[in-house]
Amino acid sequence: MRNSTCSIAKTLFFVIEAALLIAVIVCGWVYLRFCPATQSAQECNIAKARLEQEKQYESYPTYSGYITEMEEFGLIKTDEVKLIDGEEKNVFDLGYFQTDTVELGVEHMNQAKIRVNDRWFYTDYATYVHYGDIDNIELSKGDYVTFAYSTKESDDEELKGYDYVVAVKRNVANRTILIGLFAYCFVLPIPCLLFYIFSFSLVGQLSKKRAGEKVDGGDLAFPIVMIAISVVWGTLGFILAVRYLQMANAAAQHIHVHAPIIYLYPEEATEVNVQLDLDGELTTSYPEYPTDGWTVTASPDGTLTDANGRDYDYLYWQGDLNMNSDFSQGFCVKGEDSAEFLETALGELGLNDSESNMFIMYWLPYLQANEYNVISFQTENYEDVSGLKIYPEPDNVIRVNMAFYGSDVSVEIEPQDLSSMNDVSRDGFTVVEWGGEPVTEP
């Protein structure tokens, strides 16, 4: 009776363990398959070179999703028949036809219509492609992609209402899900399973010893060693999993901040040290950013002079920051009305005409590339991830950061109050900074 009870208990134990293992595998697969943070971390980067200007693709909004339908432009066999060289042959015409795969890149230059989720896009010979170290890729139904696109409509009547794909990023999740799933199952569930199996084995051996049965020392040592291995294995696996999720979430929040420009206006010629405190990575600076920050002599008219006697109008930097953009308030502005909007908004935020002109000249091509732009000024969120340490301490600091994404339709959004966002006083030593970032539609 006792042996029967033990046998039932063992069977029940392994059934529960198998069910738990299956549940963990299924949950892991679902997470790896659908988690946007994981997909973002796995996503291929578009190469920075070969576009007309470096990082030009970043001026465009992006859209991500799974390819559900594709049509390629090419020869279509028609039902019309003509007599050619004494033989009846079908006539071919040019047009779009359904396909399961489309090859894009410098060797193919294919024109195609691609449906991502429920949204249609079109590509042509100028669509920029980079996937790993090659310049040609094959897109298939079911692939997860990110398109950098323009909302300007094509002159082709058949493509009216479609957005043009400026550049393609393809997520490699489809290729790495099995690898990720294997790692997930190997790193976490297996050591847990081993721990329970050998714990049960150890308990059985100890029970035999208490019952007076002879137990070999190796029968006790082996499960103890395996339990220790499974504990170390599981602990390291847990640490690696946590670090991976942190990396994935950081990648999902990753935003490239463009052209922050810093102006310094002291009341008299003053040596000033400016240090950046970034939650992220500094990618570009001019003049080059030293480890202890920029040190320049600033004049009241804003001219900055370095130790070598070279003059600058401002300090320039770009960076990749772990920043969350807030679009609970903002503005929806037609692309063609962007200049007029910015003239008014930047004045309210404290920029003078010269600073506003520089801001508009930098961002106007980006904004005019879209039918509409949803714009929100992110001063508070921006300051959380981009600190400025300035010595001597300025009397006034005016910081303007604009986040935006393109849209092909007008978007309802609660208007943002700009009047209280910055102290626009310029009495005393004043520091001004402006910058911005195109973001993915939330």
Protein backbone atom coordinates (compact mmCIF):
# COMPACT_ATOMS: atom_id res chain seq x y z
CA MET A 1 0.00 0.00 0.00
CA ARG A 2 2.84 2.35 0.92
CA ASN A 3 4.66 1.61 -2.36
CA SER A 4 1.45 2.22 -4.29
CA THR A 5 0.94 5.57 -2.55
CA CYS A 6 4.54 6.59 -3.32
CA SER A 7 4.11 5.58 -6.94
CA ILE A 8 0.95 7.68 -7.26
CA ALA A 9 2.67 10.62 -5.55
CA LYS A 10 5.66 10.38 -7.93
CA THR A 11 3.39 10.21 -10.96
CA LEU A 12 1.37 13.19 -9.76
CA PHE A 13 4.55 15.10 -9.05
CA PHE A 14 5.94 14.60 -12.55
CA VAL A 15 2.58 15.44 -14.16
CA ILE A 16 2.50 18.74 -12.25
CA GLU A 17 6.12 19.44 -13.18
CA ALA A 18 5.42 18.72 -16.86
CA ALA A 19 2.37 21.00 -16.80
CA LEU A 20 4.40 23.78 -15.18
CA LEU A 21 7.19 23.34 -17.72
CA ILE A 22 4.72 23.51 -20.63
CA ALA A 23 3.09 26.62 -19.11
CA VAL A 24 6.48 28.32 -18.73
CA ILE A 25 7.43 27.45 -22.33
CA VAL A 26 4.12 28.76 -23.70
CA CYS A 27 4.38 32.00 -21.69
CA GLY A 28 7.96 32.46 -22.84
CA TRP A 29 7.01 31.90 -26.47
CA VAL A 30 4.13 34.39 -26.24
CA TYR A 31 6.41 36.97 -24.67
CA LEU A 32 9.18 36.51 -27.24
CA ARG A 33 6.67 36.55 -30.08
CA PHE A 34 4.61 39.58 -29.16
CA CYS A 35 6.53 41.78 -26.70
CA PRO A 36 7.27 45.13 -28.47
CA ALA A 37 10.32 45.69 -26.27
CA THR A 38 11.85 42.38 -27.38
CA GLN A 39 11.05 43.10 -31.00
CA SER A 40 12.59 46.55 -30.70
CA ALA A 41 15.74 45.09 -29.15
CA GLN A 42 16.05 42.56 -31.98
CA GLU A 43 15.28 45.02 -34.75
CA CYS A 44 17.88 45.64 -37.48
CA ASN A 45 19.19 49.21 -37.73
CA ILE A 46 19.03 51.08 -41.00
CA ALA A 47 22.57 51.92 -42.11
CA LYS A 48 23.47 55.58 -41.76
CA ALA A 49 25.43 55.90 -45.00
CA ARG A 50 24.16 55.80 -48.59
CA LEU A 51 21.23 58.10 -47.94
CA GLU A 52 21.53 61.57 -49.37
CA GLN A 53 22.42 62.90 -45.93
CA GLU A 54 23.59 60.94 -42.90
CA LYS A 55 20.64 59.83 -40.74
CA GLN A 56 18.19 61.38 -43.19
CA TYR A 57 15.80 58.50 -42.58
CA GLU A 58 15.35 59.72 -38.99
CA SER A 59 13.42 62.72 -40.25
CA TYR A 60 10.53 60.43 -41.17
CA PRO A 61 7.92 58.76 -38.97
CA THR A 62 7.99 54.98 -38.64
CA TYR A 63 5.33 52.29 -38.60
CA SER A 64 5.79 48.72 -37.37
CA GLY A 65 3.79 45.54 -37.76
CA TYR A 66 3.39 42.22 -39.54
CA ILE A 67 3.16 41.95 -43.32
CA THR A 68 -0.30 40.62 -44.20
CA GLU A 69 -0.42 41.12 -47.98
CA MET A 70 1.93 42.03 -50.84
CA GLU A 71 1.65 42.91 -54.51
CA GLU A 72 4.64 43.20 -56.85
CA PHE A 73 4.82 45.28 -60.02
CA GLY A 74 5.73 43.30 -63.13
CA LEU A 75 4.49 41.37 -66.12
CA ILE A 76 1.02 39.85 -65.80
CA LYS A 77 -0.21 37.13 -68.10
CA THR A 78 -3.56 38.16 -69.61
CA ASP A 79 -6.31 36.12 -71.28
CA GLU A 80 -5.74 37.97 -74.55
CA VAL A 81 -4.09 35.82 -77.23
CA LYS A 82 -2.13 36.98 -80.27
CA LEU A 83 -0.58 35.10 -83.19
CA ILE A 84 3.21 35.47 -82.88
CA ASP A 85 5.52 33.62 -85.32
CA GLY A 86 2.68 31.37 -86.28
CA GLU A 87 1.87 30.46 -82.66
CA GLU A 88 -0.89 31.67 -80.41
CA LYS A 89 0.63 33.26 -77.31
CA ASN A 90 -0.84 35.06 -74.34
CA VAL A 91 -0.29 38.82 -74.13
CA PHE A 92 1.51 40.14 -71.08
CA ASP A 93 0.71 43.47 -69.43
CA LEU A 94 2.39 45.53 -66.72
CA GLY A 95 0.68 45.77 -63.35
CA TYR A 96 0.56 44.64 -59.72
CA PHE A 97 0.02 40.97 -58.87
CA GLN A 98 -0.33 39.08 -55.58
CA THR A 99 2.84 37.51 -54.20
CA ASP A 100 4.10 35.92 -50.99
CA THR A 101 7.63 37.37 -51.19
CA VAL A 102 9.20 40.58 -52.47
CA GLU A 103 12.92 41.19 -52.93
CA LEU A 104 14.10 44.73 -52.29
CA GLY A 105 17.48 46.38 -52.56
CA VAL A 106 20.10 47.65 -54.96
CA GLU A 107 20.06 44.48 -57.08
CA HIS A 108 16.28 44.33 -57.46
CA MET A 109 14.77 47.83 -57.29
CA ASN A 110 11.31 46.29 -57.27
CA GLN A 111 8.13 48.28 -57.05
CA ALA A 112 5.67 46.76 -54.63
CA LYS A 113 2.60 47.41 -52.51
CA ILE A 114 2.90 46.04 -48.99
CA ARG A 115 0.18 45.84 -46.39
CA VAL A 116 1.39 46.04 -42.79
CA ASN A 117 -1.38 45.22 -40.34
CA ASP A 118 -4.26 47.12 -42.00
CA ARG A 119 -2.16 49.90 -43.57
CA TRP A 120 -0.87 49.99 -47.17
CA PHE A 121 2.56 51.23 -48.26
CA TYR A 122 4.41 51.23 -51.55
CA THR A 123 8.10 50.86 -52.44
CA ASP A 124 10.11 51.64 -55.54
CA TYR A 125 13.71 51.60 -56.78
CA ALA A 126 14.63 54.46 -54.40
CA THR A 127 13.46 52.71 -51.22
CA TYR A 128 16.51 52.29 -49.03
CA VAL A 129 17.24 48.86 -47.60
CA HIS A 130 19.86 47.63 -45.21
CA TYR A 131 19.73 44.28 -43.43
CA GLY A 132 22.84 43.29 -41.53
CA ASP A 133 25.79 43.63 -43.90
CA ILE A 134 23.86 43.22 -47.15
CA ASP A 135 21.85 45.65 -49.19
CA ASN A 136 19.15 43.28 -50.42
CA ILE A 137 16.46 41.49 -48.47
CA GLU A 138 13.49 39.28 -49.14
CA LEU A 139 10.30 40.25 -47.34
CA SER A 140 7.66 37.61 -46.80
CA LYS A 141 4.16 37.47 -45.41
CA GLY A 142 4.33 37.26 -41.65
CA ASP A 143 7.60 39.19 -41.36
CA TYR A 144 7.70 41.89 -38.70
CA VAL A 145 8.95 45.12 -40.30
CA THR A 146 9.42 48.76 -39.52
CA PHE A 147 8.99 51.26 -42.35
CA ALA A 148 10.33 54.81 -42.28
CA TYR A 149 7.77 56.46 -44.53
CA SER A 150 6.54 59.69 -46.10
CA THR A 151 2.85 60.62 -46.16
CA LYS A 152 3.21 62.50 -49.44
CA GLU A 153 0.96 60.85 -52.01
CA SER A 154 2.17 59.36 -55.28
CA ASP A 155 1.21 60.82 -58.64
CA ASP A 156 0.18 57.30 -59.65
CA GLU A 157 -3.60 57.05 -59.30
CA GLU A 158 -3.30 53.39 -58.28
CA LEU A 159 -1.17 54.39 -55.28
CA LYS A 160 -3.37 57.21 -53.98
CA GLY A 161 -3.78 56.91 -50.23
CA TYR A 162 -0.65 54.76 -49.87
CA ASP A 163 2.37 55.94 -47.86
CA TYR A 164 5.79 55.80 -49.52
CA VAL A 165 8.45 53.64 -47.86
CA VAL A 166 11.63 55.70 -47.61
CA ALA A 167 13.58 53.00 -45.79
CA VAL A 168 13.01 49.46 -44.55
CA LYS A 169 13.97 47.85 -41.28
CA ARG A 170 13.16 44.17 -40.86
CA ASN A 171 12.77 42.62 -37.45
CA VAL A 172 14.73 39.42 -37.10
CA ALA A 173 12.37 38.07 -34.44
CA ASN A 174 10.97 35.48 -36.86
CA ARG A 175 14.45 34.06 -37.28
CA THR A 176 15.49 34.22 -33.63
CA ILE A 177 12.29 33.24 -31.84
CA LEU A 178 13.37 29.59 -31.77
CA ILE A 179 16.81 30.56 -30.47
CA GLY A 180 15.26 32.85 -27.86
CA LEU A 181 12.71 30.21 -26.92
CA PHE A 182 15.43 27.59 -26.53
CA ALA A 183 17.48 29.97 -24.36
CA TYR A 184 14.42 30.83 -22.30
CA CYS A 185 13.58 27.16 -21.71
CA PHE A 186 17.20 26.19 -21.14
CA VAL A 187 18.11 29.01 -18.75
CA LEU A 188 15.12 29.01 -16.41
CA PRO A 189 12.76 25.99 -16.42
CA ILE A 190 15.35 23.19 -16.71
CA PRO A 191 17.30 24.07 -13.54
CA CYS A 192 13.98 24.38 -11.70
CA LEU A 193 12.96 20.95 -12.94
CA LEU A 194 16.34 19.48 -11.98
CA PHE A 195 16.06 21.03 -8.52
CA TYR A 196 12.69 19.39 -7.88
CA ILE A 197 13.72 16.00 -9.35
CA PHE A 198 16.90 15.69 -7.30
CA SER A 199 15.28 17.16 -4.20
CA PHE A 200 12.66 14.42 -4.49
CA SER A 201 15.44 11.87 -5.06
CA LEU A 202 17.37 13.12 -2.01
CA VAL A 203 14.25 12.95 0.16
CA GLY A 204 13.70 9.36 -1.04
CA GLN A 205 17.25 8.35 -0.18
CA LEU A 206 17.04 9.95 3.27
CA SER A 207 13.72 8.20 3.86
CA LYS A 208 15.35 4.86 3.03
CA LYS A 209 18.20 5.63 5.44
CA ARG A 210 15.76 6.47 8.24
CA ALA A 211 13.93 3.20 7.56
CA GLY A 212 17.16 1.32 8.18
CA GLU A 213 17.88 0.47 4.57
CA LYS A 214 21.47 0.58 3.37
CA VAL A 215 22.13 3.68 1.26
CA ASP A 216 25.35 4.12 -0.67
CA GLY A 217 27.19 7.42 -0.10
CA GLY A 218 27.15 8.13 -3.81
CA ASP A 219 23.36 7.85 -3.85
CA LEU A 220 23.27 10.77 -1.40
CA ALA A 221 26.13 12.82 -2.85
CA PHE A 222 24.88 12.83 -6.44
CA PRO A 223 21.49 14.53 -5.80
CA ILE A 224 23.15 17.02 -3.45
CA VAL A 225 25.67 17.99 -6.16
CA MET A 226 22.90 18.26 -8.78
CA ILE A 227 20.77 20.41 -6.46
CA ALA A 228 23.75 22.75 -5.97
CA ILE A 229 24.33 22.91 -9.74
CA SER A 230 20.64 23.62 -10.45
CA VAL A 231 20.59 26.42 -7.82
CA VAL A 232 23.68 28.10 -9.36
CA TRP A 233 22.34 27.52 -12.88
CA GLY A 234 18.91 28.93 -12.06
CA THR A 235 20.35 31.96 -10.23
CA LEU A 236 22.63 32.87 -13.13
CA GLY A 237 19.78 32.28 -15.58
CA PHE A 238 17.51 34.56 -13.61
CA ILE A 239 20.15 37.31 -13.55
CA LEU A 240 20.71 36.97 -17.32
CA ALA A 241 16.96 37.04 -17.98
CA VAL A 242 16.53 40.21 -15.90
CA ARG A 243 19.43 41.88 -17.70
CA TYR A 244 17.98 40.90 -21.07
CA LEU A 245 14.58 42.34 -20.21
CA GLN A 246 16.20 45.56 -19.00
CA MET A 247 18.08 45.80 -22.30
CA ALA A 248 14.90 45.12 -24.28
CA ASN A 249 12.90 47.73 -22.39
CA ALA A 250 15.70 50.27 -22.79
CA ALA A 251 15.71 49.58 -26.53
CA ALA A 252 11.96 50.13 -26.68
CA GLN A 253 12.32 53.54 -25.04
CA HIS A 254 15.41 54.49 -27.04
CA ILE A 255 15.04 57.89 -28.74
CA HIS A 256 17.60 59.71 -30.85
CA VAL A 257 17.68 63.39 -29.90
CA HIS A 258 18.64 65.68 -32.77
CA ALA A 259 20.80 68.76 -32.77
CA PRO A 260 20.55 70.14 -29.26
CA ILE A 261 22.25 73.52 -29.62
CA ILE A 262 23.41 75.41 -26.53
CA TYR A 263 23.80 79.19 -26.50
CA LEU A 264 25.57 81.05 -23.67
CA TYR A 265 24.86 84.76 -22.98
CA PRO A 266 26.79 86.10 -19.96
CA GLU A 267 26.62 89.77 -18.99
CA GLU A 268 30.38 90.05 -19.55
CA ALA A 269 33.12 87.87 -21.04
CA THR A 270 33.22 84.80 -18.78
CA GLU A 271 34.94 81.41 -18.79
CA VAL A 272 32.13 78.84 -18.69
CA ASN A 273 32.20 75.07 -18.21
CA VAL A 274 29.25 73.07 -19.60
CA GLN A 275 28.76 69.41 -18.70
CA LEU A 276 26.12 66.99 -20.01
CA ASP A 277 24.48 64.52 -17.64
CA LEU A 278 22.72 62.08 -19.99
CA ASP A 279 20.60 59.01 -19.35
CA GLY A 280 21.85 57.48 -22.57
CA GLU A 281 24.76 57.86 -24.95
CA LEU A 282 26.37 60.93 -26.52
CA THR A 283 26.76 60.16 -30.24
CA THR A 284 27.96 63.44 -31.80
CA SER A 285 29.35 66.74 -30.57
CA TYR A 286 30.99 69.86 -31.95
CA PRO A 287 33.33 71.11 -30.72
CA GLU A 288 34.34 67.68 -29.45
CA TYR A 289 33.03 67.05 -25.95
CA PRO A 290 35.89 66.42 -23.47
CA THR A 291 35.48 64.13 -20.46
CA ASP A 292 35.24 67.14 -18.14
CA GLY A 293 32.83 69.05 -20.40
CA TRP A 294 33.20 72.02 -22.71
CA THR A 295 35.18 74.98 -21.39
CA VAL A 296 34.85 78.17 -23.43
CA THR A 297 35.02 81.90 -22.98
CA ALA A 298 31.51 83.26 -23.60
CA SER A 299 30.85 86.85 -24.70
CA PRO A 300 27.62 88.80 -24.12
CA ASP A 301 26.73 88.51 -27.84
CA GLY A 302 26.87 84.69 -27.59
CA THR A 303 30.24 84.17 -29.26
CA LEU A 304 32.11 81.23 -27.71
CA THR A 305 35.91 80.97 -27.88
CA ASP A 306 37.84 77.81 -27.05
CA ALA A 307 41.37 77.52 -25.64
CA ASN A 308 42.81 77.52 -29.20
CA GLY A 309 41.13 80.82 -30.06
CA ARG A 310 38.51 79.30 -32.36
CA ASP A 311 35.08 80.96 -32.27
CA TYR A 312 31.70 79.18 -32.25
CA ASP A 313 28.12 80.41 -32.25
CA TYR A 314 26.92 77.55 -30.05
CA LEU A 315 27.74 74.12 -28.61
CA TYR A 316 26.25 71.22 -30.55
CA TRP A 317 25.51 67.63 -29.58
CA GLN A 318 23.30 64.64 -30.40
CA GLY A 319 22.55 61.57 -28.36
CA ASP A 320 20.53 58.40 -27.85
CA LEU A 321 18.48 58.89 -24.69
CA ASN A 322 16.18 56.60 -22.71
CA MET A 323 13.35 59.09 -22.94
CA ASN A 324 9.57 58.61 -22.78
CA SER A 325 7.66 61.14 -24.89
CA ASP A 326 4.31 62.38 -23.60
CA PHE A 327 1.64 63.14 -26.22
CA SER A 328 -1.27 63.67 -23.83
CA GLN A 329 -1.13 67.33 -24.92
CA GLY A 330 0.25 69.00 -28.02
CA PHE A 331 -0.72 70.26 -31.45
CA CYS A 332 -1.66 68.79 -34.81
CA VAL A 333 -0.22 71.01 -37.53
CA LYS A 334 -0.37 70.73 -41.32
CA GLY A 335 3.07 70.22 -42.83
CA GLU A 336 2.66 73.33 -44.96
CA ASP A 337 1.78 75.42 -41.86
CA SER A 338 4.81 74.32 -39.82
CA ALA A 339 6.87 77.52 -40.18
CA GLU A 340 4.03 79.79 -39.08
CA PHE A 341 3.23 77.54 -36.11
CA LEU A 342 6.85 77.39 -34.95
CA GLU A 343 7.34 81.15 -35.19
CA THR A 344 4.54 81.62 -32.66
CA ALA A 345 5.30 78.62 -30.42
CA LEU A 346 9.03 79.24 -30.12
CA GLY A 347 8.42 82.87 -29.17
CA GLU A 348 6.15 81.71 -26.34
CA LEU A 349 8.83 79.25 -25.21
CA GLY A 350 11.43 82.00 -24.94
CA LEU A 351 13.56 81.79 -28.09
CA ASN A 352 14.53 85.03 -29.79
CA ASP A 353 14.22 85.53 -33.55
CA SER A 354 17.75 84.37 -34.35
CA GLU A 355 17.39 81.17 -32.30
CA SER A 356 13.92 80.54 -33.71
CA ASN A 357 15.21 80.95 -37.25
CA MET A 358 17.90 78.32 -36.67
CA PHE A 359 15.35 75.95 -35.13
CA ILE A 360 12.91 76.39 -38.03
CA MET A 361 15.59 76.02 -40.70
CA TYR A 362 16.71 72.74 -39.12
CA TRP A 363 13.28 71.17 -38.58
CA LEU A 364 11.20 72.59 -41.42
CA PRO A 365 12.27 69.99 -44.05
CA TYR A 366 11.35 67.21 -41.64
CA LEU A 367 7.94 68.66 -40.83
CA GLN A 368 7.03 69.57 -44.40
CA ALA A 369 7.69 65.95 -45.47
CA ASN A 370 4.40 64.99 -43.75
CA GLU A 371 0.79 65.94 -44.44
CA TYR A 372 0.27 66.54 -40.71
CA ASN A 373 2.57 66.53 -37.69
CA VAL A 374 1.56 65.82 -34.12
CA ILE A 375 3.87 67.99 -32.04
CA SER A 376 4.42 68.10 -28.30
CA PHE A 377 7.11 70.03 -26.44
CA GLN A 378 8.85 67.75 -23.95
CA THR A 379 10.78 70.13 -21.72
CA GLU A 380 10.12 68.30 -18.43
CA ASN A 381 10.57 64.76 -19.82
CA TYR A 382 13.65 65.91 -21.69
CA GLU A 383 15.24 67.41 -18.58
CA ASP A 384 14.74 64.12 -16.73
CA VAL A 385 17.17 62.36 -19.11
CA SER A 386 19.36 65.27 -20.21
CA GLY A 387 20.86 67.27 -17.38
CA LEU A 388 23.00 70.38 -17.82
CA LYS A 389 25.69 71.32 -15.31
CA ILE A 390 27.00 74.84 -15.97
CA TYR A 391 29.67 76.72 -14.03
CA PRO A 392 29.28 79.52 -13.11
CA GLU A 393 25.58 78.85 -12.51
CA PRO A 394 23.37 80.83 -14.94
CA ASP A 395 20.56 83.12 -13.85
CA ASN A 396 18.15 81.81 -16.49
CA VAL A 397 17.96 78.54 -18.43
CA ILE A 398 15.58 78.21 -21.41
CA ARG A 399 15.33 74.68 -22.84
CA VAL A 400 13.09 73.75 -25.77
CA ASN A 401 12.63 70.15 -26.90
CA MET A 402 10.12 69.20 -29.59
CA ALA A 403 8.91 65.63 -30.17
CA PHE A 404 6.76 64.92 -33.23
CA TYR A 405 5.46 62.21 -35.53
CA GLY A 406 3.92 62.42 -38.98
CA SER A 407 0.33 61.55 -39.79
CA ASP A 408 -1.67 61.37 -43.00
CA VAL A 409 -4.82 62.55 -41.19
CA SER A 410 -5.58 65.25 -38.66
CA VAL A 411 -5.34 64.02 -35.05
CA GLU A 412 -7.43 65.29 -32.14
CA ILE A 413 -5.17 66.30 -29.22
CA GLU A 414 -5.60 68.49 -26.17
CA PRO A 415 -3.79 71.83 -26.76
CA GLN A 416 -0.57 72.31 -24.83
CA ASP A 417 -0.06 75.43 -22.68
CA LEU A 418 3.36 76.83 -23.60
CA SER A 419 3.17 80.08 -21.66
CA SER A 420 4.34 78.60 -18.34
CA MET A 421 6.79 76.01 -19.68
CA ASN A 422 9.88 78.24 -19.52
CA ASP A 423 10.90 81.32 -17.58
CA VAL A 424 11.50 83.58 -20.57
CA SER A 425 13.34 86.25 -18.60
CA ARG A 426 16.80 87.04 -19.96
CA ASP A 427 18.09 89.22 -17.14
CA GLY A 428 21.61 88.17 -16.15
CA PHE A 429 23.57 85.16 -17.41
CA THR A 430 21.18 83.28 -19.74
CA VAL A 431 21.56 79.81 -21.26
CA VAL A 432 19.36 78.69 -24.17
CA GLU A 433 19.12 75.20 -25.65
CA TRP A 434 16.86 73.78 -28.36
CA GLY A 435 16.54 70.35 -29.96
CA GLY A 436 14.01 67.68 -30.84
CA GLU A 437 13.29 64.17 -32.05
CA PRO A 438 10.98 62.42 -34.51
CA VAL A 439 9.28 59.51 -32.75
CA THR A 440 7.15 56.53 -33.67
CA GLU A 441 3.41 57.12 -33.55
CA PRO A 442 2.29 56.08 -30.04
